Amino acid sequence: MLKWIENNIELFDIVDKKDNIIKVWLNEKELHLNNDITRVVTTYIFDKNWYFYIAQRSPKKIIDPLKYEAPSHWRVNSWESYEIASKRETIEELWVKLTKSEEVSHYYTSFNTNIWLRQHYKKLFVWYIEDSINFCTKEIYNIKKFNNINDFFNFYKNNIELFSDAIKYDIEYLEKYYLKENDNL
């Protein structure tokens, strides 16, 4: 297994709507052939001053180019926990030092992209960072910073058409988590 990790070969599991494993160790080309459900992590970022960040997808992306979404998200490798996958992908995409994480929610989601239907069992995380964000231009076109999470929620509600459909449920769970449990934000 370590040899595969060292060679950057990614292998994934197929799960059901409750995150029970159905198939293991599939490569990327084997996924989504039968409307499969894959495990994914989605990560949002706060910095030490409570600024909240989202990302704008690269114009070179096939799915939802230039749409806003979470700064970091990807499938969970077969041998990874959700939290480890969130940390790995966030460091890879944003080149940041992560200080702590919170799991906001986990859920099954299904949504259409501009190409096809996607189904995921998702765990949603928030990471806190000490330093500034640098980002991989291959994946991300721009990073948008908000003074707080409420400013982000307002921006989303007034500009829904600028966002990927994948973000819709994230917003719902982020609002529940932060507006009800953390009124100080």
C-alpha atoms as a PDB file:
ATOM      1  CA  MET A   1       0.000   0.000   0.000  1.00  0.00           C
ATOM      2  CA  LEU A   2       2.787   2.481   0.800  1.00  0.00           C
ATOM      3  CA  LYS A   3       4.272   1.961  -2.646  1.00  0.00           C
ATOM      4  CA  TRP A   4       0.955   3.037  -4.217  1.00  0.00           C
ATOM      5  CA  ILE A   5       0.804   6.108  -2.013  1.00  0.00           C
ATOM      6  CA  GLU A   6       4.386   7.053  -2.869  1.00  0.00           C
ATOM      7  CA  ASN A   7       3.639   6.755  -6.586  1.00  0.00           C
ATOM      8  CA  ASN A   8       0.547   8.987  -6.221  1.00  0.00           C
ATOM      9  CA  ILE A   9      -1.844   6.307  -7.428  1.00  0.00           C
ATOM     10  CA  GLU A  10      -5.242   7.090  -6.028  1.00  0.00           C
ATOM     11  CA  LEU A  11      -7.654   4.260  -5.262  1.00  0.00           C
ATOM     12  CA  PHE A  12     -11.192   4.794  -4.029  1.00  0.00           C
ATOM     13  CA  ASP A  13     -14.137   3.011  -2.455  1.00  0.00           C
ATOM     14  CA  ILE A  14     -17.739   2.869  -3.612  1.00  0.00           C
ATOM     15  CA  VAL A  15     -20.256   3.208  -0.785  1.00  0.00           C
ATOM     16  CA  ASP A  16     -24.000   3.238  -0.240  1.00  0.00           C
ATOM     17  CA  LYS A  17     -26.034   6.207   1.001  1.00  0.00           C
ATOM     18  CA  LYS A  18     -25.068   5.387   4.608  1.00  0.00           C
ATOM     19  CA  ASP A  19     -21.316   5.139   3.896  1.00  0.00           C
ATOM     20  CA  ASN A  20     -21.167   1.338   3.975  1.00  0.00           C
ATOM     21  CA  ILE A  21     -18.431   0.077   1.655  1.00  0.00           C
ATOM     22  CA  ILE A  22     -19.638  -1.813  -1.428  1.00  0.00           C
ATOM     23  CA  LYS A  23     -16.454  -1.965  -3.570  1.00  0.00           C
ATOM     24  CA  VAL A  24     -12.845  -1.140  -2.717  1.00  0.00           C
ATOM     25  CA  TRP A  25      -9.624  -0.059  -4.436  1.00  0.00           C
ATOM     26  CA  LEU A  26     -11.094   1.324  -7.663  1.00  0.00           C
ATOM     27  CA  ASN A  27      -9.103   3.691  -9.842  1.00  0.00           C
ATOM     28  CA  GLU A  28     -10.577   6.972 -11.038  1.00  0.00           C
ATOM     29  CA  LYS A  29     -11.605   5.575 -14.442  1.00  0.00           C
ATOM     30  CA  GLU A  30     -13.732   2.917 -12.719  1.00  0.00           C
ATOM     31  CA  LEU A  31     -15.803   5.449 -10.783  1.00  0.00           C
ATOM     32  CA  HIS A  32     -19.237   6.842 -11.684  1.00  0.00           C
ATOM     33  CA  LEU A  33     -19.864   4.203 -14.351  1.00  0.00           C
ATOM     34  CA  ASN A  34     -23.071   3.050 -12.666  1.00  0.00           C
ATOM     35  CA  ASN A  35     -24.040   6.204 -10.782  1.00  0.00           C
ATOM     36  CA  ASP A  36     -21.683   5.078  -8.042  1.00  0.00           C
ATOM     37  CA  ILE A  37     -21.487   6.879  -4.729  1.00  0.00           C
ATOM     38  CA  THR A  38     -17.961   7.922  -3.782  1.00  0.00           C
ATOM     39  CA  ARG A  39     -16.569   9.235  -0.499  1.00  0.00           C
ATOM     40  CA  VAL A  40     -15.576  12.897  -0.584  1.00  0.00           C
ATOM     41  CA  VAL A  41     -14.397  15.579   1.782  1.00  0.00           C
ATOM     42  CA  THR A  42     -15.195  19.246   1.464  1.00  0.00           C
ATOM     43  CA  THR A  43     -13.205  21.803   3.416  1.00  0.00           C
ATOM     44  CA  TYR A  44     -13.801  25.453   4.202  1.00  0.00           C
ATOM     45  CA  ILE A  45     -11.241  27.750   5.823  1.00  0.00           C
ATOM     46  CA  PHE A  46     -11.157  30.341   8.599  1.00  0.00           C
ATOM     47  CA  ASP A  47      -7.965  32.232   9.372  1.00  0.00           C
ATOM     48  CA  LYS A  48      -6.842  33.440  12.808  1.00  0.00           C
ATOM     49  CA  ASN A  49      -8.810  36.704  12.331  1.00  0.00           C
ATOM     50  CA  TRP A  50     -12.018  34.775  11.532  1.00  0.00           C
ATOM     51  CA  TYR A  51     -11.948  35.677   7.839  1.00  0.00           C
ATOM     52  CA  PHE A  52     -13.784  33.025   5.804  1.00  0.00           C
ATOM     53  CA  TYR A  53     -12.575  31.855   2.368  1.00  0.00           C
ATOM     54  CA  ILE A  54     -14.093  30.293  -0.728  1.00  0.00           C
ATOM     55  CA  ALA A  55     -12.523  29.403  -4.066  1.00  0.00           C
ATOM     56  CA  GLN A  56     -13.394  30.137  -7.669  1.00  0.00           C
ATOM     57  CA  ARG A  57     -12.776  27.159  -9.941  1.00  0.00           C
ATOM     58  CA  SER A  58     -10.246  27.445 -12.736  1.00  0.00           C
ATOM     59  CA  PRO A  59     -11.623  28.344 -16.203  1.00  0.00           C
ATOM     60  CA  LYS A  60      -9.806  25.207 -17.417  1.00  0.00           C
ATOM     61  CA  LYS A  61     -11.960  22.895 -15.290  1.00  0.00           C
ATOM     62  CA  ILE A  62     -14.410  20.770 -17.283  1.00  0.00           C
ATOM     63  CA  ILE A  63     -17.020  20.744 -14.536  1.00  0.00           C
ATOM     64  CA  ASP A  64     -18.398  24.131 -13.422  1.00  0.00           C
ATOM     65  CA  PRO A  65     -15.577  26.397 -14.639  1.00  0.00           C
ATOM     66  CA  LEU A  66     -15.332  29.738 -12.789  1.00  0.00           C
ATOM     67  CA  LYS A  67     -18.024  28.764 -10.263  1.00  0.00           C
ATOM     68  CA  TYR A  68     -17.453  29.376  -6.559  1.00  0.00           C
ATOM     69  CA  GLU A  69     -17.153  26.476  -4.171  1.00  0.00           C
ATOM     70  CA  ALA A  70     -15.227  25.213  -1.154  1.00  0.00           C
ATOM     71  CA  PRO A  71     -11.475  25.903  -1.287  1.00  0.00           C
ATOM     72  CA  SER A  72     -10.711  22.206  -1.010  1.00  0.00           C
ATOM     73  CA  HIS A  73     -12.550  19.017  -1.878  1.00  0.00           C
ATOM     74  CA  TRP A  74     -11.781  15.621  -3.327  1.00  0.00           C
ATOM     75  CA  ARG A  75     -12.432  11.924  -2.984  1.00  0.00           C
ATOM     76  CA  VAL A  76     -11.174   9.984  -0.007  1.00  0.00           C
ATOM     77  CA  ASN A  77      -8.567   7.346  -0.860  1.00  0.00           C
ATOM     78  CA  SER A  78      -9.377   3.770   0.202  1.00  0.00           C
ATOM     79  CA  TRP A  79      -6.811   3.772   3.011  1.00  0.00           C
ATOM     80  CA  GLU A  80      -7.607   7.252   4.396  1.00  0.00           C
ATOM     81  CA  SER A  81      -9.912   8.598   7.056  1.00  0.00           C
ATOM     82  CA  TYR A  82     -12.069  11.533   6.053  1.00  0.00           C
ATOM     83  CA  GLU A  83     -10.103  13.910   8.281  1.00  0.00           C
ATOM     84  CA  ILE A  84      -6.734  12.810   6.855  1.00  0.00           C
ATOM     85  CA  ALA A  85      -8.093  13.238   3.306  1.00  0.00           C
ATOM     86  CA  SER A  86      -9.371  16.709   4.193  1.00  0.00           C
ATOM     87  CA  LYS A  87      -6.003  17.701   5.607  1.00  0.00           C
ATOM     88  CA  ARG A  88      -4.032  16.242   2.672  1.00  0.00           C
ATOM     89  CA  GLU A  89      -6.169  17.879   0.025  1.00  0.00           C
ATOM     90  CA  THR A  90      -6.294  21.265   1.768  1.00  0.00           C
ATOM     91  CA  ILE A  91      -2.520  21.417   2.146  1.00  0.00           C
ATOM     92  CA  GLU A  92      -2.099  20.308  -1.482  1.00  0.00           C
ATOM     93  CA  GLU A  93      -4.550  22.893  -2.868  1.00  0.00           C
ATOM     94  CA  LEU A  94      -3.880  25.878  -0.603  1.00  0.00           C
ATOM     95  CA  TRP A  95      -0.330  25.402   0.717  1.00  0.00           C
ATOM     96  CA  VAL A  96      -1.324  26.353   4.254  1.00  0.00           C
ATOM     97  CA  LYS A  97      -0.425  25.324   7.787  1.00  0.00           C
ATOM     98  CA  LEU A  98      -3.556  23.867   9.370  1.00  0.00           C
ATOM     99  CA  THR A  99      -4.049  24.303  13.101  1.00  0.00           C
ATOM    100  CA  LYS A 100      -7.310  22.555  13.953  1.00  0.00           C
ATOM    101  CA  SER A 101     -10.358  21.090  12.286  1.00  0.00           C
ATOM    102  CA  GLU A 102     -14.029  20.667  13.026  1.00  0.00           C
ATOM    103  CA  GLU A 103     -16.316  18.189  11.328  1.00  0.00           C
ATOM    104  CA  VAL A 104     -19.421  20.207  10.521  1.00  0.00           C
ATOM    105  CA  SER A 105     -21.583  17.430   9.094  1.00  0.00           C
ATOM    106  CA  HIS A 106     -21.722  14.232   7.052  1.00  0.00           C
ATOM    107  CA  TYR A 107     -24.399  13.311   4.542  1.00  0.00           C
ATOM    108  CA  TYR A 108     -25.294  11.726   1.212  1.00  0.00           C
ATOM    109  CA  THR A 109     -25.658  14.192  -1.636  1.00  0.00           C
ATOM    110  CA  SER A 110     -26.656  13.997  -5.273  1.00  0.00           C
ATOM    111  CA  PHE A 111     -26.371  16.883  -7.723  1.00  0.00           C
ATOM    112  CA  ASN A 112     -26.002  17.633 -11.402  1.00  0.00           C
ATOM    113  CA  THR A 113     -22.923  19.242 -12.861  1.00  0.00           C
ATOM    114  CA  ASN A 114     -22.757  20.806 -16.286  1.00  0.00           C
ATOM    115  CA  ILE A 115     -21.773  17.300 -17.501  1.00  0.00           C
ATOM    116  CA  TRP A 116     -23.362  14.536 -15.388  1.00  0.00           C
ATOM    117  CA  LEU A 117     -24.984  13.442 -12.162  1.00  0.00           C
ATOM    118  CA  ARG A 118     -22.641  13.077  -9.155  1.00  0.00           C
ATOM    119  CA  GLN A 119     -23.379  11.165  -5.969  1.00  0.00           C
ATOM    120  CA  HIS A 120     -21.249  11.410  -2.853  1.00  0.00           C
ATOM    121  CA  TYR A 121     -21.156  10.491   0.762  1.00  0.00           C
ATOM    122  CA  LYS A 122     -19.592  13.657   2.070  1.00  0.00           C
ATOM    123  CA  LYS A 123     -17.975  14.833   5.264  1.00  0.00           C
ATOM    124  CA  LEU A 124     -17.812  18.583   5.598  1.00  0.00           C
ATOM    125  CA  PHE A 125     -14.898  20.106   7.532  1.00  0.00           C
ATOM    126  CA  VAL A 126     -13.747  23.543   8.574  1.00  0.00           C
ATOM    127  CA  TRP A 127     -10.013  24.058   9.114  1.00  0.00           C
ATOM    128  CA  TYR A 128      -8.389  26.963  10.890  1.00  0.00           C
ATOM    129  CA  ILE A 129      -5.137  28.368   9.542  1.00  0.00           C
ATOM    130  CA  GLU A 130      -2.398  30.592  10.955  1.00  0.00           C
ATOM    131  CA  ASP A 131      -0.917  31.939   7.753  1.00  0.00           C
ATOM    132  CA  SER A 132      -2.076  33.297   4.426  1.00  0.00           C
ATOM    133  CA  ILE A 133      -3.456  31.193   1.596  1.00  0.00           C
ATOM    134  CA  ASN A 134      -1.401  30.400  -1.476  1.00  0.00           C
ATOM    135  CA  PHE A 135      -3.177  28.328  -4.039  1.00  0.00           C
ATOM    136  CA  CYS A 136      -2.606  25.938  -6.904  1.00  0.00           C
ATOM    137  CA  THR A 137      -3.570  27.810 -10.086  1.00  0.00           C
ATOM    138  CA  LYS A 138      -4.292  24.544 -11.898  1.00  0.00           C
ATOM    139  CA  GLU A 139      -7.346  23.970  -9.726  1.00  0.00           C
ATOM    140  CA  ILE A 140      -8.261  27.414  -8.383  1.00  0.00           C
ATOM    141  CA  TYR A 141      -8.663  30.641 -10.319  1.00  0.00           C
ATOM    142  CA  ASN A 142      -9.236  32.958  -7.363  1.00  0.00           C
ATOM    143  CA  ILE A 143      -9.764  32.985  -3.591  1.00  0.00           C
ATOM    144  CA  LYS A 144     -12.500  35.210  -2.178  1.00  0.00           C
ATOM    145  CA  LYS A 145     -12.184  36.390   1.424  1.00  0.00           C
ATOM    146  CA  PHE A 146     -15.116  37.427   3.617  1.00  0.00           C
ATOM    147  CA  ASN A 147     -14.946  39.414   6.858  1.00  0.00           C
ATOM    148  CA  ASN A 148     -16.996  36.682   8.530  1.00  0.00           C
ATOM    149  CA  ILE A 149     -19.205  33.731   7.697  1.00  0.00           C
ATOM    150  CA  ASN A 150     -22.380  35.835   7.750  1.00  0.00           C
ATOM    151  CA  ASP A 151     -20.981  37.996   4.929  1.00  0.00           C
ATOM    152  CA  PHE A 152     -20.373  34.805   2.989  1.00  0.00           C
ATOM    153  CA  PHE A 153     -23.950  33.566   3.564  1.00  0.00           C
ATOM    154  CA  ASN A 154     -25.305  36.913   2.326  1.00  0.00           C
ATOM    155  CA  PHE A 155     -23.053  36.854  -0.741  1.00  0.00           C
ATOM    156  CA  TYR A 156     -24.231  33.332  -1.551  1.00  0.00           C
ATOM    157  CA  LYS A 157     -27.931  34.185  -1.190  1.00  0.00           C
ATOM    158  CA  ASN A 158     -27.540  37.208  -3.487  1.00  0.00           C
ATOM    159  CA  ASN A 159     -25.373  35.417  -6.079  1.00  0.00           C
ATOM    160  CA  ILE A 160     -26.491  31.774  -6.183  1.00  0.00           C
ATOM    161  CA  GLU A 161     -25.892  31.575  -9.940  1.00  0.00           C
ATOM    162  CA  LEU A 162     -22.146  32.122  -9.354  1.00  0.00           C
ATOM    163  CA  PHE A 163     -21.855  28.917  -7.280  1.00  0.00           C
ATOM    164  CA  SER A 164     -21.427  25.273  -8.128  1.00  0.00           C
ATOM    165  CA  ASP A 165     -24.512  23.173  -7.370  1.00  0.00           C
ATOM    166  CA  ALA A 166     -22.303  21.023  -5.138  1.00  0.00           C
ATOM    167  CA  ILE A 167     -22.192  23.821  -2.580  1.00  0.00           C
ATOM    168  CA  LYS A 168     -25.960  24.017  -1.942  1.00  0.00           C
ATOM    169  CA  TYR A 169     -26.032  21.441   0.862  1.00  0.00           C
ATOM    170  CA  ASP A 170     -22.761  22.710   2.310  1.00  0.00           C
ATOM    171  CA  ILE A 171     -24.409  26.086   2.862  1.00  0.00           C
ATOM    172  CA  GLU A 172     -27.360  24.501   4.619  1.00  0.00           C
ATOM    173  CA  TYR A 173     -25.113  22.550   7.011  1.00  0.00           C
ATOM    174  CA  LEU A 174     -22.707  25.436   7.578  1.00  0.00           C
ATOM    175  CA  GLU A 175     -25.621  27.699   8.492  1.00  0.00           C
ATOM    176  CA  LYS A 176     -27.031  25.152  10.929  1.00  0.00           C
ATOM    177  CA  TYR A 177     -23.644  24.629  12.518  1.00  0.00           C
ATOM    178  CA  TYR A 178     -22.475  28.226  12.818  1.00  0.00           C
ATOM    179  CA  LEU A 179     -25.620  30.261  13.172  1.00  0.00           C
ATOM    180  CA  LYS A 180     -27.170  28.047  15.838  1.00  0.00           C
ATOM    181  CA  GLU A 181     -24.110  26.849  17.713  1.00  0.00           C
ATOM    182  CA  ASN A 182     -21.697  29.748  17.303  1.00  0.00           C
ATOM    183  CA  ASP A 183     -23.711  32.952  17.479  1.00  0.00           C
ATOM    184  CA  ASN A 184     -20.520  34.973  18.031  1.00  0.00           C
ATOM    185  CA  LEU A 185     -19.516  34.526  14.385  1.00  0.00           C
END
